[in-house]
Every structure is written in C-alpha cells, then in structure tokens.
Protein backbone atom coordinates (compact mmCIF):
# COMPACT_ATOMS: atom_id res chain seq x y z
CA MET A 1 11.21 -0.82 -56.41
CA PRO A 2 13.07 -4.23 -56.80
CA VAL A 3 14.51 -4.89 -60.12
CA ARG A 4 16.83 -7.51 -61.64
CA ALA A 5 20.39 -6.87 -62.79
CA THR A 6 23.32 -8.77 -64.32
CA ILE A 7 26.95 -7.76 -65.08
CA ALA A 8 28.47 -9.03 -68.38
CA PRO A 9 32.27 -8.31 -68.90
CA LEU A 10 33.15 -6.87 -72.31
CA PRO A 11 36.22 -7.96 -74.37
CA GLU A 12 37.95 -4.67 -73.68
CA PRO A 13 39.60 -4.86 -70.18
CA GLY A 14 38.04 -2.64 -67.54
CA HIS A 15 34.61 -2.47 -69.29
CA ALA A 16 31.36 -4.22 -68.63
CA LEU A 17 27.74 -4.12 -69.53
CA LEU A 18 25.06 -3.70 -66.74
CA ARG A 19 21.69 -5.02 -67.76
CA VAL A 20 18.70 -4.01 -65.69
CA SER A 21 15.28 -5.58 -66.25
CA GLU A 22 11.81 -4.99 -64.88
CA LEU A 23 12.46 -1.25 -64.75
CA ASP A 24 9.82 0.95 -66.60
CA ALA A 25 11.98 4.10 -67.00
CA ALA A 26 13.35 6.14 -69.91
CA PRO A 27 17.13 5.84 -70.37
CA GLU A 28 17.70 9.55 -70.66
CA GLY A 29 19.24 11.00 -67.37
CA LEU A 30 19.32 7.76 -65.41
CA THR A 31 22.01 7.63 -62.71
CA ILE A 32 23.23 4.70 -60.62
CA SER A 33 24.58 4.27 -57.05
CA ILE A 34 26.93 1.35 -56.18
CA GLN A 35 27.56 0.35 -52.56
CA ARG A 36 29.85 -2.27 -51.06
CA GLN A 37 29.64 -3.82 -47.58
CA GLN A 38 33.24 -3.46 -46.37
CA GLY A 39 34.98 -0.39 -44.92
CA PRO A 40 33.90 2.98 -43.71
CA ASP A 41 33.81 4.34 -47.31
CA THR A 42 31.12 2.29 -48.94
CA HIS A 43 29.82 4.38 -51.82
CA LEU A 44 31.62 4.32 -55.19
CA ALA A 45 32.58 7.53 -57.06
CA ASP A 46 34.75 7.87 -60.18
CA ASP A 47 37.57 9.14 -58.01
CA GLY A 48 37.45 6.35 -55.37
CA TRP A 49 35.19 5.41 -52.41
CA ARG A 50 33.20 7.87 -50.23
CA ARG A 51 31.20 7.81 -47.02
CA THR A 52 28.13 9.44 -48.60
CA GLU A 53 26.04 8.17 -51.38
CA THR A 54 27.22 9.26 -54.92
CA TRP A 55 25.33 8.96 -58.18
CA LEU A 56 27.13 8.03 -61.37
CA MET A 57 25.86 9.01 -64.76
CA PRO A 58 27.15 6.83 -67.62
CA ASP A 59 27.33 8.40 -71.03
CA GLU A 60 25.90 5.29 -72.75
CA VAL A 61 22.47 4.18 -71.48
CA ARG A 62 20.16 2.57 -73.98
CA ARG A 63 17.00 0.41 -73.86
CA ASN A 64 17.18 -3.01 -75.72
CA GLY A 65 13.61 -4.29 -75.61
CA GLU A 66 12.64 -4.86 -71.96
CA VAL A 67 16.28 -4.36 -70.64
CA LEU A 68 18.21 -1.21 -69.91
CA GLU A 69 21.91 -1.39 -70.75
CA PHE A 70 24.51 0.73 -68.85
CA HIS A 71 28.04 0.80 -70.30
CA LEU A 72 30.53 0.88 -67.37
CA GLY A 73 34.20 1.80 -67.72
CA PRO A 74 37.38 1.52 -65.72
CA GLU A 75 36.21 4.10 -63.19
CA ILE A 76 33.80 1.40 -61.90
CA CYS A 77 35.08 -1.97 -63.12
CA ASP A 78 38.72 -1.52 -61.91
CA ARG A 79 37.66 -0.53 -58.41
CA LEU A 80 35.23 -3.42 -57.95
CA ALA A 81 37.95 -6.10 -58.66
CA GLY A 82 37.74 -8.71 -55.94
CA ILE A 83 34.32 -7.70 -54.55
CA ALA A 84 31.72 -10.48 -54.63
CA THR A 85 28.43 -8.52 -54.40
CA VAL A 86 27.37 -4.86 -54.45
CA ARG A 87 24.07 -3.08 -53.82
CA LEU A 88 22.76 -1.19 -56.88
CA ARG A 89 20.26 1.63 -56.95
CA VAL A 90 18.87 3.44 -60.03
CA ARG A 91 17.60 6.98 -59.87
CA GLU A 92 15.34 8.70 -62.45
CA PRO A 93 15.27 12.54 -62.83
CA ASP A 94 12.30 14.25 -61.01
CA ILE A 95 11.17 10.92 -59.57
CA GLY A 96 13.99 9.59 -57.40
CA VAL A 97 15.14 5.96 -56.84
CA VAL A 98 13.14 3.70 -59.14
CA GLY A 99 15.01 0.42 -58.61
CA THR A 100 17.28 -1.37 -56.18
CA THR A 101 18.79 -4.77 -55.97
CA VAL A 102 21.91 -6.73 -55.05
CA VAL A 103 24.05 -7.93 -57.95
CA ALA A 104 26.95 -10.34 -58.08
CA TRP A 105 30.15 -8.80 -59.56
CA PRO A 106 31.99 -11.24 -61.90
CA ALA A 107 35.72 -11.80 -62.21
CA MET A 108 37.07 -9.73 -65.13
CA LEU A 109 40.27 -8.14 -66.50
CA THR A 110 41.01 -4.62 -65.27
CA SER A 111 42.52 -1.92 -67.37
CA GLY A 112 44.72 -0.35 -64.76
CA ALA A 113 43.71 3.07 -65.85
CA ALA A 114 41.49 4.11 -62.97
CA GLY A 115 43.04 6.76 -60.69
CA ALA A 116 42.27 9.79 -58.60
CA SER A 117 40.87 12.65 -60.55
CA GLY A 118 39.77 15.22 -57.99
CA ARG A 119 36.52 15.69 -56.13
CA TYR A 120 33.09 16.02 -57.63
CA ASP A 121 29.54 16.77 -56.47
CA ASP A 122 27.13 14.02 -55.62
CA THR A 123 26.36 13.29 -59.29
CA VAL A 124 29.41 12.52 -61.57
CA ARG A 125 29.52 11.83 -65.21
CA LEU A 126 31.65 8.94 -66.26
CA ARG A 127 34.26 9.28 -69.02
CA ARG A 128 32.91 8.44 -72.49
CA ARG A 129 34.21 5.29 -74.23
CA PRO A 130 36.27 6.04 -77.38
CA ALA A 131 34.21 5.92 -80.54
CA PRO A 132 35.35 3.20 -83.12
CA PRO A 133 37.08 4.77 -86.11
CA ALA A 134 34.83 5.59 -89.02
CA ALA A 135 35.13 3.21 -92.01
CA PRO A 136 36.62 4.80 -95.15
CA GLU A 137 34.15 5.71 -97.79
CA PRO A 138 34.30 3.41 -100.86
CA GLU A 139 35.68 5.08 -104.03
CA LEU A 140 33.13 5.54 -106.73
CA PRO A 141 33.96 4.06 -110.15
CA PRO A 142 34.68 6.64 -112.93
CA PRO A 143 31.55 7.73 -114.81
CA LEU A 144 30.82 5.76 -117.96
CA GLU A 145 31.16 7.53 -121.26
CA VAL A 146 27.76 8.00 -122.94
CA ALA A 147 27.75 7.09 -126.61
CA PRO A 148 26.28 9.83 -128.82
CA GLU A 149 22.74 9.23 -130.00
CA PRO A 150 22.30 7.99 -133.55
CA PRO A 151 20.71 10.54 -136.01
CA PRO A 152 16.98 10.11 -136.44
CA PRO A 153 15.90 8.01 -139.43
CA PRO A 154 14.64 9.88 -142.54
CA PRO A 155 10.87 10.38 -142.82
CA PRO A 156 9.14 7.68 -144.92
CA ARG A 157 8.23 8.47 -148.47
CA PRO A 158 4.44 8.90 -149.19
CA GLU A 159 2.89 5.82 -150.84
CA LEU A 160 1.27 6.64 -154.09
CA ARG A 161 -2.16 5.06 -154.46
CA ALA A 162 -5.14 5.61 -156.69
CA ALA A 163 -7.81 7.79 -155.33
CA ARG A 164 -10.89 5.92 -154.09
CA ASP A 165 -14.59 6.84 -154.01
CA PRO A 166 -15.40 7.79 -150.26
CA LEU A 167 -19.02 6.74 -150.68
CA ALA A 168 -17.98 3.24 -151.58
CA GLU A 169 -16.64 2.70 -147.92
CA LEU A 170 -19.97 3.38 -146.19
CA PRO A 171 -21.87 0.21 -145.05
CA LYS A 172 -25.21 -0.47 -146.42
CA ARG A 173 -28.16 0.05 -144.06
CA SER A 174 -29.90 -3.19 -142.98
CA GLY A 175 -33.00 -4.08 -141.04
CA ALA A 176 -31.08 -4.49 -137.76
CA THR A 177 -31.20 -0.72 -137.07
CA GLY A 178 -35.00 -0.79 -136.42
CA TRP A 179 -34.62 -3.57 -133.91
CA MET A 180 -31.98 -1.59 -131.94
CA ILE A 181 -34.23 1.49 -131.79
CA ALA A 182 -37.11 -0.65 -130.42
CA ALA A 183 -34.82 -2.21 -127.69
CA VAL A 184 -33.75 1.33 -126.56
CA LEU A 185 -37.39 2.43 -126.17
CA VAL A 186 -38.27 -0.69 -124.10
CA LEU A 187 -35.33 0.01 -121.70
CA LEU A 188 -36.46 3.68 -121.29
CA ALA A 189 -40.02 2.48 -120.46
CA VAL A 190 -38.73 0.10 -117.79
CA GLY A 191 -36.37 2.58 -116.19
CA GLY A 192 -39.12 5.08 -115.93
CA GLY A 193 -41.50 2.67 -114.24
CA TYR A 194 -38.87 1.63 -111.70
CA TYR A 195 -38.20 5.31 -110.85
CA TYR A 196 -41.95 5.94 -110.35
CA TRP A 197 -42.33 2.85 -108.17
CA THR A 198 -39.29 3.55 -105.90
CA ASN A 199 -39.79 7.30 -105.57
CA HIS A 200 -43.61 7.76 -105.40
CA LEU A 201 -45.34 4.38 -104.53
CA HIS A 202 -42.73 2.96 -102.15
CA PRO A 203 -40.12 5.59 -101.26
CA PRO A 204 -37.10 4.33 -99.22
CA GLU A 205 -36.91 5.09 -95.51
CA PRO A 206 -34.73 7.96 -94.63
CA VAL A 207 -31.30 7.06 -93.21
CA VAL A 208 -30.71 8.57 -89.70
CA ALA A 209 -27.15 9.53 -89.04
CA THR A 210 -25.87 8.28 -85.71
CA ALA A 211 -23.02 9.99 -83.87
CA PRO A 212 -19.86 7.92 -83.50
CA PRO A 213 -19.11 6.64 -79.97
CA ALA A 214 -17.08 8.95 -77.78
CA VAL A 215 -13.38 8.02 -77.61
CA GLN A 216 -12.20 7.66 -74.03
CA PRO A 217 -8.69 9.14 -73.29
CA PRO A 218 -6.19 6.48 -72.23
CA ALA A 219 -5.74 6.10 -68.43
CA LYS A 220 -2.61 7.66 -67.03
CA SER A 221 0.10 5.33 -65.52
CA VAL A 222 1.09 5.54 -61.89
CA ARG A 223 4.46 7.12 -62.97
CA GLU A 224 2.65 9.83 -64.99
CA THR A 225 0.30 10.66 -62.20
CA VAL A 226 3.13 10.97 -59.65
CA ALA A 227 5.38 12.95 -61.99
CA GLU A 228 2.60 15.51 -62.67
CA TYR A 229 1.99 15.90 -58.96
CA LEU A 230 5.70 16.27 -58.11
CA ALA A 231 6.12 18.82 -60.96
CA THR A 232 3.98 21.24 -58.82
CA LYS A 233 6.96 21.08 -56.26
CA PRO A 234 4.81 20.40 -53.05
CA ALA A 235 6.30 20.71 -49.62
CA PRO A 236 7.44 17.49 -47.73
CA GLU A 237 4.43 17.78 -45.46
CA ALA A 238 2.03 18.05 -48.34
CA MET A 239 3.66 15.03 -50.07
CA LEU A 240 3.27 13.03 -46.86
CA ALA A 241 -0.51 13.81 -46.76
CA ARG A 242 -0.94 13.06 -50.47
CA ALA A 243 0.88 9.69 -50.15
CA ARG A 244 -1.33 8.67 -47.27
CA ASP A 245 -4.38 9.44 -49.46
CA PHE A 246 -2.94 7.27 -52.14
CA ALA A 247 -2.47 4.48 -49.68
CA LYS A 248 -6.08 4.74 -48.38
CA ALA A 249 -7.33 4.56 -51.96
CA GLY A 250 -5.35 1.33 -52.46
CA ASP A 251 -2.82 2.83 -54.92
CA THR A 252 0.28 1.38 -53.16
CA GLY A 253 2.70 2.20 -56.03
CA ALA A 254 1.84 5.92 -56.14
CA ALA A 255 2.06 6.04 -52.30
CA PHE A 256 5.47 4.44 -52.29
CA LEU A 257 6.84 7.00 -54.93
CA VAL A 258 5.53 10.04 -53.09
CA PHE A 259 6.64 8.62 -49.64
CA ARG A 260 10.12 8.19 -51.10
CA GLN A 261 10.34 11.70 -52.45
CA ALA A 262 9.34 13.17 -49.15
CA ALA A 263 11.70 10.82 -47.22
CA GLU A 264 14.65 11.86 -49.41
CA GLN A 265 13.94 15.49 -48.54
CA GLY A 266 14.31 14.68 -44.89
CA ASN A 267 10.75 14.28 -43.68
CA ALA A 268 11.06 11.82 -40.70
CA ALA A 269 7.42 10.64 -40.77
CA ALA A 270 7.78 9.81 -44.48
CA GLN A 271 10.99 7.92 -43.68
CA ILE A 272 9.11 5.72 -41.29
CA GLU A 273 6.37 5.11 -43.88
CA LEU A 274 8.95 4.19 -46.49
CA ALA A 275 10.75 1.85 -44.19
CA SER A 276 7.52 -0.08 -43.53
CA PHE A 277 7.44 -1.15 -47.23
CA TYR A 278 10.81 -3.00 -46.61
CA ASP A 279 10.33 -4.14 -42.95
CA PRO A 280 10.26 -7.97 -42.70
CA THR A 281 8.54 -7.78 -39.37
CA LEU A 282 5.43 -6.32 -41.04
CA PRO A 283 3.17 -7.81 -43.71
CA ALA A 284 4.19 -7.13 -47.32
CA LYS A 285 2.63 -4.17 -48.94
CA GLY A 286 1.39 -4.33 -52.48
CA GLY A 287 3.90 -7.00 -53.60
CA PHE A 288 7.04 -5.08 -52.45
CA PRO A 289 9.66 -7.60 -51.33
CA HIS A 290 11.10 -7.33 -47.79
CA ASP A 291 14.61 -5.92 -47.38
CA GLY A 292 15.96 -5.69 -43.88
CA ALA A 293 18.96 -3.46 -44.67
CA GLN A 294 16.70 -0.85 -46.52
CA ALA A 295 14.15 -0.85 -43.62
CA ALA A 296 16.99 -0.38 -40.98
CA ASP A 297 18.50 2.43 -43.01
CA TRP A 298 15.25 4.50 -43.29
CA TYR A 299 14.20 3.76 -39.73
CA GLU A 300 17.69 5.04 -38.48
CA ARG A 301 17.39 8.24 -40.43
CA ALA A 302 14.08 9.03 -38.70
CA ALA A 303 15.28 7.63 -35.31
CA LEU A 304 18.29 10.11 -35.34
CA THR A 305 15.81 12.99 -35.44
CA GLY A 306 14.57 11.85 -31.98
CA LEU A 307 11.20 10.28 -32.95
CA ALA A 308 10.29 7.65 -30.40
CA GLU A 309 8.19 5.64 -32.96
CA ALA A 310 11.24 5.26 -35.29
CA GLN A 311 13.55 4.34 -32.43
CA ARG A 312 11.10 1.61 -31.22
CA LYS A 313 10.59 0.24 -34.69
CA LEU A 314 14.32 0.14 -35.38
CA GLY A 315 14.93 -1.58 -32.07
CA LEU A 316 12.26 -4.26 -32.83
CA LEU A 317 13.73 -4.78 -36.30
CA LEU A 318 17.31 -5.15 -35.04
CA ALA A 319 16.01 -7.61 -32.28
CA LYS A 320 14.54 -9.99 -34.93
CA GLY A 321 16.52 -9.35 -38.07
CA GLY A 322 15.45 -10.92 -41.31
CA ALA A 323 15.41 -10.38 -45.08
CA GLY A 324 19.24 -10.03 -45.28
CA LEU A 325 19.62 -8.17 -41.96
CA ALA A 326 21.41 -9.96 -39.10
CA ALA A 327 19.90 -9.60 -35.67
CA ASP A 328 21.78 -7.39 -33.20
CA ALA A 329 20.50 -7.49 -29.64
CA ALA A 330 22.97 -4.91 -28.35
CA LYS A 331 21.95 -2.22 -30.77
CA ALA A 332 18.35 -3.19 -30.45
CA LYS A 333 18.49 -2.55 -26.69
CA VAL A 334 20.12 0.92 -27.20
CA TRP A 335 17.35 2.05 -29.52
CA LEU A 336 14.56 0.65 -27.42
CA GLN A 337 15.99 2.36 -24.27
CA GLN A 338 15.96 5.75 -26.10
CA ALA A 339 12.32 5.21 -27.06
CA ALA A 340 11.37 4.06 -23.59
CA ALA A 341 12.97 7.14 -22.08
CA GLN A 342 10.37 9.11 -23.97
CA ASN A 343 7.63 7.10 -22.30
CA ASP A 344 6.98 4.81 -25.30
CA THR A 345 4.91 1.95 -23.73
CA ASP A 346 5.62 -0.63 -26.49
CA ALA A 347 9.30 0.04 -26.26
CA LYS A 348 9.23 -0.64 -22.41
CA LYS A 349 7.42 -3.95 -23.15
CA ALA A 350 9.91 -4.95 -25.84
CA LEU A 351 12.79 -4.22 -23.36
CA ASP A 352 11.34 -6.68 -20.87
CA GLY A 353 11.25 -9.34 -23.54
CA LEU A 354 14.86 -8.97 -24.63
CA PRO A 355 17.27 -11.75 -23.33
CA LYS A 356 19.06 -10.64 -20.19
C-alpha cells in the first residue's frame, strides 16, 4: 500500500532518521527494502548492493504518534551518498509488504565506516547504534544526626478540693418534659398512619428488572481478518480463490493483502491480479494509486512463466507507459509477439496497432 516517507539526517555522520506515515503496523519485526535505479545491482544490503531484493532489519524502530521512526546507520547512509531518489518497501511479519513509496535521499555527512562484512541471507540485521553512557548517580548527603528525645514531663500533682454533694449537680425537673413526651407520641401516630396508607391502601407498583442491552463485540479490522486467515497457512491456490471472494464482496483491502501473499509465493495468476492494482492502463481499484513500475514488475514475473495473459498485459502496459513507467515500443512488441504465438487474439490486434 502507498505510504509517505521522509529522511532526516542526524547530527552524527552516517546516521539518519526514516519517518514513515500512513502505515498502520506494529514496529516490532518490521523490515525495509531499499532499491536504486542505476546499475545491475539495485538492492541494498548491509555489505553492498545485490541483484536480488534484500530486507534490512534496523535495531531501533519505534512509533511516535502516527509516524514510524527507523534509525538508519552507516551501512545504509554511507552507501546512498550521491543518490537522489530510492524506492522504499516496508514488510510486516506474517503479512508481507505493507507499504511502498519513492523517497528523496538528502545530502548528508558520511561516516566512512561502511565496508564489506561477508554475505547474509535475504534478511539482515543492521548494527546497533552505541548507547549513550549512563549518567553517574548523585551522591546522597550523609544522614542527619537525630537528637535524643527529651524526657517526659512529670505527672501533674492532684488538685485538692473540698468534696461536693453529687445531688446538688442534678438539674431540677421542669414542665418541658411533658411536652417532649407528647411530641414523640404525635410523631409515632403520624408514622404509623403513613405506613398503613402506603403498604395497605395504596401499595407501590412492583419494579420489574430489565436486562441490560447486549454488548456487541468490536468489529475486526481488515489486517486482523487477513492475519487470522493467513495463520492457517493456506496454499497459494486457496489464497487466490479467497482473495477473489474478498474482491467480489467489495473488500478491496483484504483482497489486495491476500493476492500479494499468494503472488510472493510464486502464484502467476495472483501476480497478474496484484499487478492490476498498480496498472495505470486500468481504472483505479479501491483508492490504490497507480504505479507503472510495480505493475510491470508483477506482470513480468507472471509472463516469465509463459502465461499469454500476462505477456499481453505487460506488452500493452509497455506500449503506453504511465505512472512513472516510460513507454518502450520495442519491449512491448516482443511480449505481444509471445502472447500472439499462443493464439491470443487481443495480442494480435495490439500488434497490428503498434507503429511500424
């Protein structure tokens, strides 16, 4: 899927910060692929340039709000000096490629530390940046001396007074006591009448308990749905059929993810379907932007297996070009001739329309 990316050089030579936005993915396990346009070896690895695609795994990938930040070291930055633009792809574990874009590489200081370090497999882990030295712990002040507690004061001496008559302290009874008793009796009579009225003459209506509304579980996202399906490890043919079902149901995002997984496992029909998402000669699908180079790449993978449909579509794309892909009539004619040799009627018609 298309994403946006920028490169910001860091103060330390040979280091930069890659910021990727519009990508809904967890930072754990993300790998990146960097491709240049010049030369036969176009894919960057930490030991130089290779012909085949290589995936780089930075040690520091973190999410900052809506942006994913990749810390890049001299293995990448030093080798990209003097290159204007590169194609960037981001891959998520168990899902595949989740983002692709073209990013401008800025001018920056190099460290001069990048060099050959042997061969690796198709996923290489980049060297970790040195951690900053830990700050020394502050020294604690010496404990304060606690002054001894003063001795408790002596108990007070008893005060000598003349004995009093306890009966002399009792208040004299007055007529107010009778009034208080009468008020209590009146309150008891009123309370008893209210109780009889509310419980016998007009009892309250019973309260009927109602069940709380059922809580609906949250709907699963497209990424969660596809991840659960791919976790069952289906065959490429099964993934092709499932992706077509997603497309018929209007779930273009899920169809794209499953088509891509089957295409990366070598299914030629899925490679044609995936290329159609990028093909500028076809109407846009579900908001996916056209990318002529991506479409040509996936058509060519399927065409190399001998499928006439892929050969014809690649020839038509090369004849027109578009979306970053330059037209190439000579290559278009070669692919259309191969499809026509397999009795592809549309390829024969397209050959007749090519300039002589």
